């Protein structure tokens, strides 16, 4: 039974998980680079640590949820990082979508490491409705299972070290391709004179749509991408990680490469901190002759 938990990184997903654990009465220590988010959780009963190392020192489970590999390495391996002074006694669980190479480095520094592929959004984290795909050993998962069961409706042990992250990468890759395909279909319809909302309604009402397409279609119809569920630059990062993983195994993924190029262009256009559905802005329907300006 896990008695103490530390959550490092209080963004959309980490913050939701932390609030869920506090609701369930678990003793919780938190750390966040921006102190405001940590202060909000302190008001709810969390202990705020001054450094990642302090947060992790007495925790049975150290759950890290950060934006990318660089941030994760800094918090875990940098000055005052979780592993700066050696291994931790608890299980280190990385919920950041990062390269399997980074996970390999972590396993060289501390014995008990899990990689968690989280499927869902901040609301799912807050209400315990995530799906969690775990890579690691049976023994390490058993030590963390009671906490994971509090934040997830489904916990699946998919394989050994790195496998949870690999599955999360392919899931995010699939989402990126689907949303871009829907944006391109809507642009094609507009270019032929169809109403954009009518096109999106037809797609989401059909058997061709997935739940994530129905969810993102609302943003495409309204052309609103603020208050992101998942930022576009993070989708571009994950597509790049998937491409690198494919190269490592000698696999060619033409759809992923095309989606990565489009997302990179959207980031260059300044849309990186918008919702990932803003990739639609890089797919622009040509104006029809005689259309109003």
Foldseek 3Di string as FASTA:
>chain_A
DWQEEEEEACPLQSVLLLLLVLVVPGAYEYEYPDCPSVVVVVVSPHHYDPAQCRRQAPGQEYEYEDLEDVVVCCQQPNVSHNQVPFEHPHAYEYQYLYALVSLVVVCVGYPHYKYWQWPDFSVLQNQLDIAIEIAADPVSCVSCVVSNNSRHPHYHDPYHRPPNSLVSLVVLLVLLLVLVVLLLQLLVCVLVPHDSLVSLVVCVVDPNDDPSSVVLSVCVNVVAFPPARAFLLSSLVSLVSNCVVCVVVVHDDVSSVVSNVLSVVCVVVVRRRTYNSNSSVSNHRDDDPPDDD
